[in-house]
Amino acid sequence: MIVRRSVLSVIGTAVLSSALLLAPASSATATATATAAAPIACKGSSCTGKNPQREGCGSGAEVIDRVSPAGGGPRVELRNSARCSAAWARIEKANDSWRFKIEIRGGRSYVANASPSYPAYTQMVGSSNAYRACVEQYDGRGGSWSCTGWH
């Protein structure tokens, strides 16, 4: 009986020790998995015309250029995602009369309006195109844009 209790005690201690040793490894694995970048849904030209946040391209994107309208106003960022090979324009919170865009050289422009409630962004373009970000001057007439250089 005493031998049986000793064996059970040794087995129980071994199981508990194993569980404690494995717990930190499991925790570290879960943390690493949780912090891994979300999967992307598009790459390059397949991103053109799509929403950068919905496609998973916003995570890790870099600001590669900035422009402010002549005469003052909110700054527009030209953002690029190396993971998605795509770019878009982003503006901080501002009066929704402010318009901004991303242009493809010799191609389409994607225009958006600012929001007073949250940062806004345009649709994406594949970064194999020449592109730039622009913000419209808020002068009541429209049509006068300040732009970044072509990238």
N, C-alpha and C. Protein backbone atom coordinates (compact mmCIF):
# COMPACT_ATOMS: atom_id res chain seq x y z
N MET A 1 0.81 -1.18 0.00
CA MET A 1 0.00 0.00 0.00
C MET A 1 0.87 1.25 0.00
N ILE A 2 1.92 1.26 0.87
CA ILE A 2 2.82 2.40 0.95
C ILE A 2 3.57 2.55 -0.36
N VAL A 3 4.00 1.43 -0.96
CA VAL A 3 4.71 1.46 -2.22
C VAL A 3 3.80 2.03 -3.31
N ARG A 4 2.54 1.62 -3.30
CA ARG A 4 1.58 2.07 -4.28
C ARG A 4 1.40 3.60 -4.19
N ARG A 5 1.24 4.13 -2.97
CA ARG A 5 1.10 5.58 -2.77
C ARG A 5 2.35 6.31 -3.25
N SER A 6 3.53 5.76 -2.98
CA SER A 6 4.78 6.39 -3.40
C SER A 6 4.87 6.45 -4.92
N VAL A 7 4.49 5.37 -5.58
CA VAL A 7 4.52 5.33 -7.04
C VAL A 7 3.54 6.35 -7.59
N LEU A 8 2.33 6.38 -7.04
CA LEU A 8 1.32 7.35 -7.50
C LEU A 8 1.79 8.79 -7.24
N SER A 9 2.44 9.00 -6.12
CA SER A 9 2.95 10.32 -5.78
C SER A 9 4.03 10.75 -6.77
N VAL A 10 4.94 9.85 -7.11
CA VAL A 10 6.01 10.13 -8.06
C VAL A 10 5.41 10.42 -9.44
N ILE A 11 4.45 9.62 -9.87
CA ILE A 11 3.80 9.81 -11.17
C ILE A 11 3.07 11.15 -11.19
N GLY A 12 2.34 11.45 -10.14
CA GLY A 12 1.61 12.73 -10.07
C GLY A 12 2.56 13.92 -10.12
N THR A 13 3.66 13.84 -9.42
CA THR A 13 4.66 14.91 -9.44
C THR A 13 5.27 15.06 -10.82
N ALA A 14 5.53 13.97 -11.49
CA ALA A 14 6.11 14.01 -12.84
C ALA A 14 5.13 14.65 -13.82
N VAL A 15 3.86 14.28 -13.72
CA VAL A 15 2.85 14.85 -14.62
C VAL A 15 2.72 16.35 -14.36
N LEU A 16 2.66 16.76 -13.10
CA LEU A 16 2.54 18.18 -12.76
C LEU A 16 3.76 18.95 -13.23
N SER A 17 4.95 18.41 -13.04
CA SER A 17 6.18 19.07 -13.48
C SER A 17 6.19 19.23 -14.99
N SER A 18 5.78 18.18 -15.70
CA SER A 18 5.73 18.26 -17.17
C SER A 18 4.77 19.34 -17.62
N ALA A 19 3.63 19.43 -16.99
CA ALA A 19 2.63 20.44 -17.36
C ALA A 19 3.19 21.85 -17.13
N LEU A 20 3.90 22.04 -16.02
CA LEU A 20 4.46 23.36 -15.73
C LEU A 20 5.56 23.72 -16.72
N LEU A 21 6.35 22.73 -17.11
CA LEU A 21 7.42 22.99 -18.07
C LEU A 21 6.86 23.32 -19.45
N LEU A 22 5.77 22.71 -19.82
CA LEU A 22 5.18 22.94 -21.14
C LEU A 22 4.35 24.21 -21.20
N ALA A 23 3.82 24.65 -20.08
CA ALA A 23 2.93 25.83 -20.07
C ALA A 23 3.59 27.08 -20.64
N PRO A 24 4.82 27.46 -20.23
CA PRO A 24 5.42 28.65 -20.82
C PRO A 24 5.64 28.53 -22.32
N ALA A 25 6.02 27.34 -22.79
CA ALA A 25 6.23 27.16 -24.22
C ALA A 25 4.93 27.34 -24.97
N SER A 26 3.84 26.80 -24.44
CA SER A 26 2.54 26.96 -25.09
C SER A 26 2.14 28.42 -25.10
N SER A 27 2.38 29.13 -24.01
CA SER A 27 2.07 30.55 -23.93
C SER A 27 2.86 31.34 -24.94
N ALA A 28 4.14 31.05 -25.06
CA ALA A 28 4.99 31.77 -26.00
C ALA A 28 4.53 31.51 -27.44
N THR A 29 4.16 30.27 -27.72
CA THR A 29 3.67 29.95 -29.06
C THR A 29 2.39 30.70 -29.35
N ALA A 30 1.47 30.75 -28.41
CA ALA A 30 0.20 31.46 -28.61
C ALA A 30 0.45 32.94 -28.82
N THR A 31 1.38 33.53 -28.06
CA THR A 31 1.70 34.94 -28.21
C THR A 31 2.30 35.22 -29.57
N ALA A 32 3.23 34.37 -30.00
CA ALA A 32 3.86 34.56 -31.31
C ALA A 32 2.83 34.46 -32.42
N THR A 33 1.90 33.51 -32.29
CA THR A 33 0.86 33.35 -33.29
C THR A 33 -0.06 34.56 -33.31
N ALA A 34 -0.41 35.08 -32.14
CA ALA A 34 -1.33 36.22 -32.06
C ALA A 34 -0.70 37.49 -32.65
N THR A 35 0.62 37.64 -32.52
CA THR A 35 1.26 38.85 -33.02
C THR A 35 1.70 38.72 -34.47
N ALA A 36 1.57 37.54 -35.05
CA ALA A 36 1.92 37.37 -36.46
C ALA A 36 1.00 38.24 -37.31
N ALA A 37 1.51 38.71 -38.42
CA ALA A 37 0.74 39.57 -39.30
C ALA A 37 -0.47 38.82 -39.86
N ALA A 38 -1.57 39.55 -39.98
CA ALA A 38 -2.77 38.97 -40.56
C ALA A 38 -2.50 38.60 -42.01
N PRO A 39 -3.17 37.57 -42.51
CA PRO A 39 -2.95 37.18 -43.90
C PRO A 39 -3.43 38.28 -44.85
N ILE A 40 -2.76 38.38 -45.98
CA ILE A 40 -3.16 39.37 -46.98
C ILE A 40 -4.06 38.70 -48.01
N ALA A 41 -4.96 39.49 -48.59
CA ALA A 41 -5.92 38.93 -49.53
C ALA A 41 -5.59 39.28 -50.98
N CYS A 42 -4.60 40.18 -51.18
CA CYS A 42 -4.24 40.55 -52.55
C CYS A 42 -2.75 40.87 -52.61
N LYS A 43 -2.23 40.96 -53.81
CA LYS A 43 -0.82 41.29 -54.01
C LYS A 43 -0.70 42.02 -55.35
N GLY A 44 0.04 43.14 -55.35
CA GLY A 44 0.32 43.88 -56.58
C GLY A 44 -0.93 44.39 -57.27
N SER A 45 -1.02 44.18 -58.57
CA SER A 45 -2.12 44.73 -59.35
C SER A 45 -3.48 44.17 -58.93
N SER A 46 -3.52 43.01 -58.27
CA SER A 46 -4.81 42.48 -57.81
C SER A 46 -5.36 43.31 -56.64
N CYS A 47 -4.53 44.19 -56.04
CA CYS A 47 -4.99 45.08 -54.97
C CYS A 47 -5.63 46.36 -55.51
N THR A 48 -5.37 46.69 -56.77
CA THR A 48 -5.86 47.95 -57.33
C THR A 48 -7.38 48.04 -57.19
N GLY A 49 -7.83 49.17 -56.61
CA GLY A 49 -9.25 49.42 -56.41
C GLY A 49 -9.82 48.82 -55.14
N LYS A 50 -8.97 48.17 -54.33
CA LYS A 50 -9.47 47.51 -53.11
C LYS A 50 -9.12 48.31 -51.86
N ASN A 51 -9.82 48.00 -50.78
CA ASN A 51 -9.67 48.65 -49.48
C ASN A 51 -8.44 48.10 -48.76
N PRO A 52 -7.47 48.95 -48.39
CA PRO A 52 -6.24 48.45 -47.76
C PRO A 52 -6.47 47.76 -46.41
N GLN A 53 -7.43 48.21 -45.64
CA GLN A 53 -7.68 47.60 -44.33
C GLN A 53 -8.35 46.24 -44.49
N ARG A 54 -9.35 46.17 -45.34
CA ARG A 54 -10.08 44.92 -45.54
C ARG A 54 -9.20 43.84 -46.16
N GLU A 55 -8.23 44.23 -46.95
CA GLU A 55 -7.35 43.27 -47.63
C GLU A 55 -6.15 42.86 -46.78
N GLY A 56 -6.01 43.47 -45.58
CA GLY A 56 -4.90 43.11 -44.69
C GLY A 56 -3.59 43.81 -45.02
N CYS A 57 -3.65 44.88 -45.81
CA CYS A 57 -2.43 45.57 -46.25
C CYS A 57 -2.00 46.71 -45.32
N GLY A 58 -2.87 47.15 -44.43
CA GLY A 58 -2.56 48.28 -43.55
C GLY A 58 -1.49 47.96 -42.52
N SER A 59 -1.43 46.71 -42.07
CA SER A 59 -0.47 46.31 -41.06
C SER A 59 0.95 46.37 -41.62
N GLY A 60 1.80 47.17 -41.00
CA GLY A 60 3.19 47.28 -41.41
C GLY A 60 3.45 48.21 -42.59
N ALA A 61 2.41 48.90 -43.06
CA ALA A 61 2.60 49.84 -44.18
C ALA A 61 3.47 51.02 -43.73
N GLU A 62 4.21 51.59 -44.67
CA GLU A 62 5.09 52.72 -44.37
C GLU A 62 4.65 53.97 -45.11
N VAL A 63 4.88 55.12 -44.48
CA VAL A 63 4.64 56.40 -45.14
C VAL A 63 5.88 56.68 -45.99
N ILE A 64 5.70 56.84 -47.30
CA ILE A 64 6.84 57.08 -48.17
C ILE A 64 6.92 58.52 -48.66
N ASP A 65 5.84 59.29 -48.47
CA ASP A 65 5.84 60.71 -48.86
C ASP A 65 4.65 61.38 -48.20
N ARG A 66 4.67 62.72 -48.15
CA ARG A 66 3.59 63.51 -47.57
C ARG A 66 3.40 64.77 -48.39
N VAL A 67 2.16 65.29 -48.35
CA VAL A 67 1.88 66.55 -49.03
C VAL A 67 0.80 67.31 -48.24
N SER A 68 0.96 68.62 -48.16
CA SER A 68 -0.05 69.49 -47.57
C SER A 68 -0.54 70.42 -48.66
N PRO A 69 -1.81 70.83 -48.60
CA PRO A 69 -2.31 71.71 -49.64
C PRO A 69 -1.68 73.09 -49.57
N ALA A 70 -1.47 73.69 -50.74
CA ALA A 70 -0.98 75.08 -50.77
C ALA A 70 -1.98 75.93 -50.00
N GLY A 71 -1.50 76.80 -49.16
CA GLY A 71 -2.39 77.63 -48.35
C GLY A 71 -2.75 77.01 -47.01
N GLY A 72 -2.28 75.80 -46.75
CA GLY A 72 -2.53 75.15 -45.47
C GLY A 72 -3.70 74.18 -45.50
N GLY A 73 -3.69 73.28 -44.56
CA GLY A 73 -4.74 72.28 -44.45
C GLY A 73 -4.18 70.95 -44.00
N PRO A 74 -5.02 69.92 -44.01
CA PRO A 74 -4.57 68.62 -43.52
C PRO A 74 -3.55 67.96 -44.45
N ARG A 75 -2.60 67.30 -43.85
CA ARG A 75 -1.55 66.62 -44.60
C ARG A 75 -2.05 65.25 -45.07
N VAL A 76 -1.68 64.90 -46.28
CA VAL A 76 -2.01 63.59 -46.85
C VAL A 76 -0.73 62.77 -46.91
N GLU A 77 -0.81 61.52 -46.51
CA GLU A 77 0.32 60.61 -46.56
C GLU A 77 0.18 59.66 -47.74
N LEU A 78 1.28 59.37 -48.37
CA LEU A 78 1.34 58.33 -49.39
C LEU A 78 1.91 57.10 -48.68
N ARG A 79 1.12 56.05 -48.60
CA ARG A 79 1.51 54.85 -47.86
C ARG A 79 1.77 53.71 -48.81
N ASN A 80 2.71 52.82 -48.41
CA ASN A 80 3.05 51.67 -49.23
C ASN A 80 3.16 50.44 -48.35
N SER A 81 2.61 49.35 -48.83
CA SER A 81 2.71 48.07 -48.15
C SER A 81 3.61 47.16 -48.97
N ALA A 82 4.78 46.83 -48.44
CA ALA A 82 5.69 45.91 -49.13
C ALA A 82 5.07 44.51 -49.18
N ARG A 83 4.34 44.13 -48.13
CA ARG A 83 3.70 42.81 -48.08
C ARG A 83 2.70 42.64 -49.22
N CYS A 84 1.97 43.71 -49.55
CA CYS A 84 0.93 43.63 -50.59
C CYS A 84 1.40 44.18 -51.93
N SER A 85 2.57 44.81 -51.97
CA SER A 85 3.05 45.49 -53.19
C SER A 85 1.98 46.45 -53.70
N ALA A 86 1.47 47.28 -52.78
CA ALA A 86 0.40 48.22 -53.12
C ALA A 86 0.57 49.52 -52.33
N ALA A 87 -0.07 50.59 -52.83
CA ALA A 87 0.02 51.91 -52.20
C ALA A 87 -1.37 52.55 -52.15
N TRP A 88 -1.51 53.54 -51.26
CA TRP A 88 -2.75 54.30 -51.13
C TRP A 88 -2.45 55.61 -50.43
N ALA A 89 -3.42 56.52 -50.45
CA ALA A 89 -3.28 57.81 -49.76
C ALA A 89 -4.14 57.78 -48.50
N ARG A 90 -3.68 58.49 -47.46
CA ARG A 90 -4.38 58.53 -46.17
C ARG A 90 -4.36 59.96 -45.65
N ILE A 91 -5.48 60.38 -45.06
CA ILE A 91 -5.58 61.72 -44.48
C ILE A 91 -6.09 61.58 -43.04
N GLU A 92 -5.56 62.40 -42.15
CA GLU A 92 -6.03 62.40 -40.77
C GLU A 92 -7.45 62.97 -40.71
N LYS A 93 -8.06 62.95 -39.53
CA LYS A 93 -9.39 63.52 -39.36
C LYS A 93 -9.41 64.96 -39.85
N ALA A 94 -10.41 65.30 -40.63
CA ALA A 94 -10.54 66.67 -41.15
C ALA A 94 -11.97 66.87 -41.63
N ASN A 95 -12.33 68.10 -41.86
CA ASN A 95 -13.63 68.44 -42.42
C ASN A 95 -13.85 67.60 -43.68
N ASP A 96 -15.05 67.05 -43.85
CA ASP A 96 -15.28 66.15 -44.98
C ASP A 96 -15.35 66.86 -46.34
N SER A 97 -15.14 68.17 -46.36
CA SER A 97 -15.04 68.89 -47.63
C SER A 97 -13.65 68.71 -48.26
N TRP A 98 -12.68 68.26 -47.47
CA TRP A 98 -11.35 68.02 -48.00
C TRP A 98 -11.37 66.75 -48.83
N ARG A 99 -10.89 66.85 -50.08
CA ARG A 99 -10.77 65.69 -50.96
C ARG A 99 -9.29 65.37 -51.16
N PHE A 100 -9.00 64.12 -51.33
CA PHE A 100 -7.64 63.67 -51.59
C PHE A 100 -7.71 62.47 -52.51
N LYS A 101 -6.57 62.11 -53.11
CA LYS A 101 -6.60 61.01 -54.07
C LYS A 101 -5.24 60.36 -54.21
N ILE A 102 -5.26 59.18 -54.81
CA ILE A 102 -4.06 58.54 -55.30
C ILE A 102 -4.25 58.43 -56.80
N GLU A 103 -3.21 58.81 -57.53
CA GLU A 103 -3.25 58.80 -58.99
C GLU A 103 -2.27 57.78 -59.53
N ILE A 104 -2.67 57.11 -60.59
CA ILE A 104 -1.74 56.26 -61.34
C ILE A 104 -1.34 57.07 -62.57
N ARG A 105 -0.04 57.20 -62.82
CA ARG A 105 0.42 57.98 -63.98
C ARG A 105 -0.19 57.39 -65.26
N GLY A 106 -0.88 58.25 -65.99
CA GLY A 106 -1.52 57.83 -67.24
C GLY A 106 -2.71 56.90 -67.03
N GLY A 107 -3.21 56.84 -65.81
CA GLY A 107 -4.32 55.92 -65.53
C GLY A 107 -5.36 56.52 -64.62
N ARG A 108 -5.98 55.70 -63.87
CA ARG A 108 -7.09 56.06 -63.02
C ARG A 108 -6.65 56.74 -61.72
N SER A 109 -7.55 57.58 -61.18
CA SER A 109 -7.37 58.17 -59.85
C SER A 109 -8.45 57.63 -58.92
N TYR A 110 -8.09 57.44 -57.67
CA TYR A 110 -9.07 57.05 -56.66
C TYR A 110 -9.20 58.21 -55.68
N VAL A 111 -10.36 58.86 -55.67
CA VAL A 111 -10.60 60.05 -54.87
C VAL A 111 -11.43 59.66 -53.64
N ALA A 112 -11.12 60.28 -52.50
CA ALA A 112 -11.88 60.06 -51.26
C ALA A 112 -12.04 61.39 -50.54
N ASN A 113 -12.96 61.44 -49.61
CA ASN A 113 -13.16 62.62 -48.77
C ASN A 113 -12.67 62.32 -47.36
N ALA A 114 -12.16 63.35 -46.71
CA ALA A 114 -11.75 63.23 -45.31
C ALA A 114 -12.99 63.00 -44.46
N SER A 115 -12.77 62.60 -43.22
CA SER A 115 -13.85 62.41 -42.26
C SER A 115 -13.49 63.16 -40.97
N PRO A 116 -14.48 63.83 -40.37
CA PRO A 116 -14.19 64.49 -39.09
C PRO A 116 -14.08 63.50 -37.93
N SER A 117 -14.44 62.24 -38.16
CA SER A 117 -14.49 61.24 -37.09
C SER A 117 -13.30 60.28 -37.06
N TYR A 118 -12.65 60.06 -38.19
CA TYR A 118 -11.58 59.06 -38.25
C TYR A 118 -10.67 59.35 -39.43
N PRO A 119 -9.44 58.80 -39.43
CA PRO A 119 -8.58 58.95 -40.61
C PRO A 119 -9.24 58.23 -41.79
N ALA A 120 -9.09 58.79 -42.96
CA ALA A 120 -9.68 58.19 -44.16
C ALA A 120 -8.58 57.81 -45.14
N TYR A 121 -8.88 56.93 -46.06
CA TYR A 121 -7.89 56.50 -47.03
C TYR A 121 -8.57 56.17 -48.35
N THR A 122 -7.77 56.19 -49.41
CA THR A 122 -8.26 55.86 -50.75
C THR A 122 -8.20 54.35 -50.95
N GLN A 123 -8.67 53.92 -52.08
CA GLN A 123 -8.46 52.56 -52.50
C GLN A 123 -7.00 52.41 -52.90
N MET A 124 -6.55 51.19 -53.07
CA MET A 124 -5.14 50.94 -53.37
C MET A 124 -4.86 50.88 -54.87
N VAL A 125 -3.57 51.02 -55.17
CA VAL A 125 -3.05 50.76 -56.52
C VAL A 125 -1.84 49.84 -56.37
N GLY A 126 -1.64 48.97 -57.34
CA GLY A 126 -0.46 48.11 -57.32
C GLY A 126 0.78 48.98 -57.43
N SER A 127 1.80 48.70 -56.64
CA SER A 127 2.97 49.58 -56.60
C SER A 127 3.92 49.39 -57.77
N SER A 128 3.58 48.53 -58.72
CA SER A 128 4.41 48.46 -59.93
C SER A 128 4.08 49.62 -60.87
N ASN A 129 2.97 50.31 -60.62
CA ASN A 129 2.60 51.52 -61.37
C ASN A 129 3.34 52.72 -60.80
N ALA A 130 3.47 53.80 -61.60
CA ALA A 130 3.94 55.07 -61.04
C ALA A 130 2.71 55.72 -60.40
N TYR A 131 2.83 56.17 -59.16
CA TYR A 131 1.70 56.71 -58.43
C TYR A 131 2.12 57.89 -57.57
N ARG A 132 1.13 58.69 -57.17
CA ARG A 132 1.37 59.80 -56.26
C ARG A 132 0.09 60.11 -55.50
N ALA A 133 0.22 60.79 -54.36
CA ALA A 133 -0.92 61.22 -53.55
C ALA A 133 -1.11 62.72 -53.72
N CYS A 134 -2.36 63.16 -53.71
CA CYS A 134 -2.68 64.57 -53.87
C CYS A 134 -3.78 64.98 -52.89
N VAL A 135 -3.79 66.26 -52.55
CA VAL A 135 -4.87 66.83 -51.74
C VAL A 135 -5.36 68.08 -52.45
N GLU A 136 -6.68 68.24 -52.48
CA GLU A 136 -7.28 69.37 -53.17
C GLU A 136 -7.27 70.59 -52.26
N GLN A 137 -6.96 71.75 -52.85
CA GLN A 137 -7.02 72.98 -52.07
C GLN A 137 -8.48 73.29 -51.75
N TYR A 138 -8.72 73.67 -50.53
CA TYR A 138 -10.07 73.95 -50.05
C TYR A 138 -10.35 75.43 -50.27
N ASP A 139 -10.65 75.78 -51.52
CA ASP A 139 -10.84 77.20 -51.84
C ASP A 139 -12.23 77.49 -52.38
N GLY A 140 -13.12 76.50 -52.36
CA GLY A 140 -14.48 76.71 -52.83
C GLY A 140 -14.65 76.50 -54.33
N ARG A 141 -13.55 76.54 -55.07
CA ARG A 141 -13.64 76.35 -56.52
C ARG A 141 -13.36 74.91 -56.91
N GLY A 142 -12.43 74.27 -56.24
CA GLY A 142 -12.07 72.90 -56.55
C GLY A 142 -11.16 72.80 -57.75
N GLY A 143 -10.60 71.62 -57.92
CA GLY A 143 -9.78 71.34 -59.09
C GLY A 143 -8.33 71.71 -58.99
N SER A 144 -7.89 72.36 -57.92
CA SER A 144 -6.49 72.73 -57.75
C SER A 144 -5.88 71.78 -56.71
N TRP A 145 -4.93 70.96 -57.14
CA TRP A 145 -4.38 69.90 -56.30
C TRP A 145 -2.90 70.14 -55.99
N SER A 146 -2.49 69.78 -54.77
CA SER A 146 -1.08 69.72 -54.38
C SER A 146 -0.74 68.24 -54.28
N CYS A 147 0.39 67.82 -54.88
CA CYS A 147 0.71 66.39 -54.97
C CYS A 147 2.13 66.09 -54.52
N THR A 148 2.34 64.84 -54.12
CA THR A 148 3.69 64.34 -53.85
C THR A 148 4.37 64.13 -55.19
N GLY A 149 5.64 63.78 -55.15
CA GLY A 149 6.31 63.36 -56.38
C GLY A 149 5.80 61.98 -56.79
N TRP A 150 6.16 61.58 -58.01
CA TRP A 150 5.78 60.24 -58.48
C TRP A 150 6.70 59.20 -57.85
N HIS A 151 6.14 58.10 -57.49
CA HIS A 151 6.90 56.98 -56.89
C HIS A 151 6.66 55.73 -57.69
